[in-house]
């Protein structure tokens, strides 16, 4: 398609209430103009693929990822705890966007995001590690099933 990512996704993105945008100093997601963004995205598309490595059947694949997070300065000034959580593992990448405002109800907003990702990691490692014996009912059935199962096992 000749339309850009921004044209497909940006119009449907939910917006924060105006008061929150002002207090957090919200800026637009796309900091460059639409035409420049379209050009940038088109330049990033892979036009050719050069394989320097010989194909090997059943070669294991894993992620090599890192994460970094920093609480928004306005949330720090308001005294909110960082409720976001990230997970990087050989089999799984995860991000939970927590709700810091739960602190206003005397709840720790970081408990569920962190517990959910820990449980996802445990399940993924059990279900996705190659050469591990696993019963058919415990087999990997996709990311949605994994997330549902992890949520059901949380206590937060």
Protein backbone atom coordinates (compact mmCIF):
# COMPACT_ATOMS: atom_id res chain seq x y z
CA UNK A 1 0.00 0.00 0.00
CA UNK A 2 1.21 3.52 -0.69
CA UNK A 3 -0.20 4.94 2.55
CA UNK A 4 2.13 5.41 5.46
CA UNK A 5 2.10 3.84 8.90
CA UNK A 6 1.16 7.22 10.37
CA UNK A 7 -1.92 7.47 8.14
CA UNK A 8 -3.10 4.01 9.19
CA UNK A 9 -2.36 4.11 12.90
CA UNK A 10 -2.15 7.70 14.11
CA UNK A 11 -5.82 8.61 13.47
CA UNK A 12 -6.95 5.64 15.61
CA UNK A 13 -4.60 6.17 18.54
CA UNK A 14 -6.43 7.06 21.77
CA UNK A 15 -5.75 10.52 23.12
CA UNK A 16 -5.18 11.43 26.75
CA UNK A 17 -7.52 13.99 28.30
CA UNK A 18 -6.38 17.56 27.48
CA UNK A 19 -5.64 18.36 31.14
CA UNK A 20 -3.28 15.38 31.39
CA UNK A 21 -1.58 16.31 28.11
CA UNK A 22 -0.90 19.81 29.46
CA UNK A 23 0.36 18.56 32.84
CA UNK A 24 2.69 15.99 31.26
CA UNK A 25 3.80 18.25 28.43
CA UNK A 26 2.59 15.78 25.79
CA UNK A 27 4.13 16.10 22.36
CA UNK A 28 2.93 14.58 19.10
CA UNK A 29 4.04 11.03 18.37
CA UNK A 30 5.46 11.94 15.00
CA UNK A 31 7.84 14.86 15.37
CA UNK A 32 8.51 15.24 11.66
CA UNK A 33 6.05 16.14 8.94
CA UNK A 34 3.94 13.49 7.25
CA UNK A 35 5.79 13.61 3.94
CA UNK A 36 9.19 13.36 5.60
CA UNK A 37 7.93 10.51 7.80
CA UNK A 38 6.62 8.69 4.70
CA UNK A 39 10.02 9.09 3.04
CA UNK A 40 11.82 7.85 6.17
CA UNK A 41 9.59 4.77 6.40
CA UNK A 42 9.98 4.01 2.70
CA UNK A 43 13.78 4.23 3.06
CA UNK A 44 13.67 1.73 5.92
CA UNK A 45 11.86 -0.93 3.89
CA UNK A 46 14.00 -3.88 2.94
CA UNK A 47 14.15 -4.01 -0.85
CA UNK A 48 16.52 -6.96 -1.19
CA UNK A 49 17.64 -9.70 1.10
CA UNK A 50 21.19 -11.00 0.94
CA UNK A 51 21.78 -14.23 2.78
CA UNK A 52 25.42 -14.68 3.69
CA UNK A 53 24.70 -17.66 5.93
CA UNK A 54 23.73 -21.07 4.65
CA UNK A 55 20.24 -22.17 5.68
CA UNK A 56 20.26 -24.75 8.47
CA UNK A 57 17.16 -26.78 9.21
CA UNK A 58 15.83 -26.34 12.77
CA UNK A 59 18.36 -23.67 13.64
CA UNK A 60 17.24 -22.13 16.96
CA UNK A 61 16.15 -18.52 16.96
CA UNK A 62 16.28 -16.22 19.97
CA UNK A 63 15.96 -12.56 20.78
CA UNK A 64 18.90 -10.52 21.92
CA UNK A 65 17.21 -7.51 23.43
CA UNK A 66 17.65 -4.90 26.14
CA UNK A 67 15.26 -2.42 27.65
CA UNK A 68 15.49 1.00 29.24
CA UNK A 69 12.77 2.93 30.93
CA UNK A 70 12.59 6.25 32.65
CA UNK A 71 9.66 7.72 34.51
CA UNK A 72 8.25 10.88 32.97
CA UNK A 73 9.60 13.90 34.91
CA UNK A 74 6.08 15.24 35.54
CA UNK A 75 5.05 11.92 37.11
CA UNK A 76 8.18 12.05 39.29
CA UNK A 77 7.25 15.58 40.41
CA UNK A 78 3.73 14.37 41.26
CA UNK A 79 5.24 11.52 43.31
CA UNK A 80 3.90 8.69 41.16
CA UNK A 81 5.67 5.34 41.20
CA UNK A 82 6.83 3.91 37.87
CA UNK A 83 4.17 1.32 37.07
CA UNK A 84 5.55 0.27 33.69
CA UNK A 85 7.39 -3.02 33.29
CA UNK A 86 9.49 -4.59 30.55
CA UNK A 87 10.71 -8.11 29.91
CA UNK A 88 13.49 -9.28 27.62
CA UNK A 89 14.30 -12.96 27.43
CA UNK A 90 15.55 -15.38 24.76
CA UNK A 91 11.97 -16.36 23.89
CA UNK A 92 9.84 -13.35 24.73
CA UNK A 93 9.64 -9.58 24.63
CA UNK A 94 7.08 -7.89 26.85
CA UNK A 95 5.91 -4.42 27.79
CA UNK A 96 3.23 -3.55 30.36
CA UNK A 97 2.03 0.03 30.48
CA UNK A 98 0.97 0.33 34.11
CA UNK A 99 -1.45 2.87 35.57
CA UNK A 100 0.45 5.06 38.06
CA UNK A 101 -2.72 6.80 39.22
CA UNK A 102 -3.73 3.62 41.09
CA UNK A 103 -1.61 5.00 43.93
CA UNK A 104 -4.46 7.45 44.57
CA UNK A 105 -6.49 4.38 45.67
CA UNK A 106 -3.69 3.10 47.94
CA UNK A 107 -2.73 0.39 45.46
CA UNK A 108 0.80 -0.39 44.26
CA UNK A 109 0.49 0.10 40.48
CA UNK A 110 3.69 -1.84 39.73
CA UNK A 111 2.60 -5.16 41.26
CA UNK A 112 0.39 -6.50 38.46
CA UNK A 113 2.60 -5.43 35.50
CA UNK A 114 5.70 -7.00 37.07
CA UNK A 115 3.94 -10.17 38.24
CA UNK A 116 2.22 -10.58 34.86
CA UNK A 117 5.49 -10.36 32.94
CA UNK A 118 7.28 -12.71 35.38
CA UNK A 119 4.51 -15.27 34.91
CA UNK A 120 4.55 -14.84 31.13
CA UNK A 121 8.28 -15.48 31.15
CA UNK A 122 7.92 -18.64 33.26
CA UNK A 123 5.20 -20.00 30.97
CA UNK A 124 7.05 -19.05 27.78
CA UNK A 125 10.26 -20.71 28.93
CA UNK A 126 8.34 -23.86 29.80
CA UNK A 127 6.35 -23.87 26.54
CA UNK A 128 8.89 -22.57 24.03
CA UNK A 129 12.25 -24.05 25.02
CA UNK A 130 13.29 -26.56 22.37
CA UNK A 131 13.71 -30.22 23.26
CA UNK A 132 11.72 -29.90 26.50
CA UNK A 133 9.11 -32.60 27.15
CA UNK A 134 5.71 -30.95 27.41
CA UNK A 135 2.20 -32.34 27.59
CA UNK A 136 -0.21 -31.35 24.79
CA UNK A 137 -2.45 -29.34 27.16
CA UNK A 138 0.59 -27.24 28.21
CA UNK A 139 1.83 -26.61 24.64
CA UNK A 140 2.26 -23.06 23.34
CA UNK A 141 -0.95 -21.87 21.67
CA UNK A 142 0.05 -18.31 20.81
CA UNK A 143 0.63 -15.00 22.62
CA UNK A 144 -3.01 -14.35 23.56
CA UNK A 145 -3.38 -17.75 25.22
CA UNK A 146 -0.06 -17.24 27.00
CA UNK A 147 -1.16 -13.83 28.32
CA UNK A 148 -4.57 -15.16 29.45
CA UNK A 149 -2.96 -18.09 31.25
CA UNK A 150 -0.43 -15.80 32.92
CA UNK A 151 -3.15 -13.39 34.05
CA UNK A 152 -5.15 -16.26 35.57
CA UNK A 153 -2.08 -17.25 37.60
CA UNK A 154 -1.44 -13.77 39.02
CA UNK A 155 -2.45 -12.79 42.54
CA UNK A 156 -2.08 -8.99 42.29
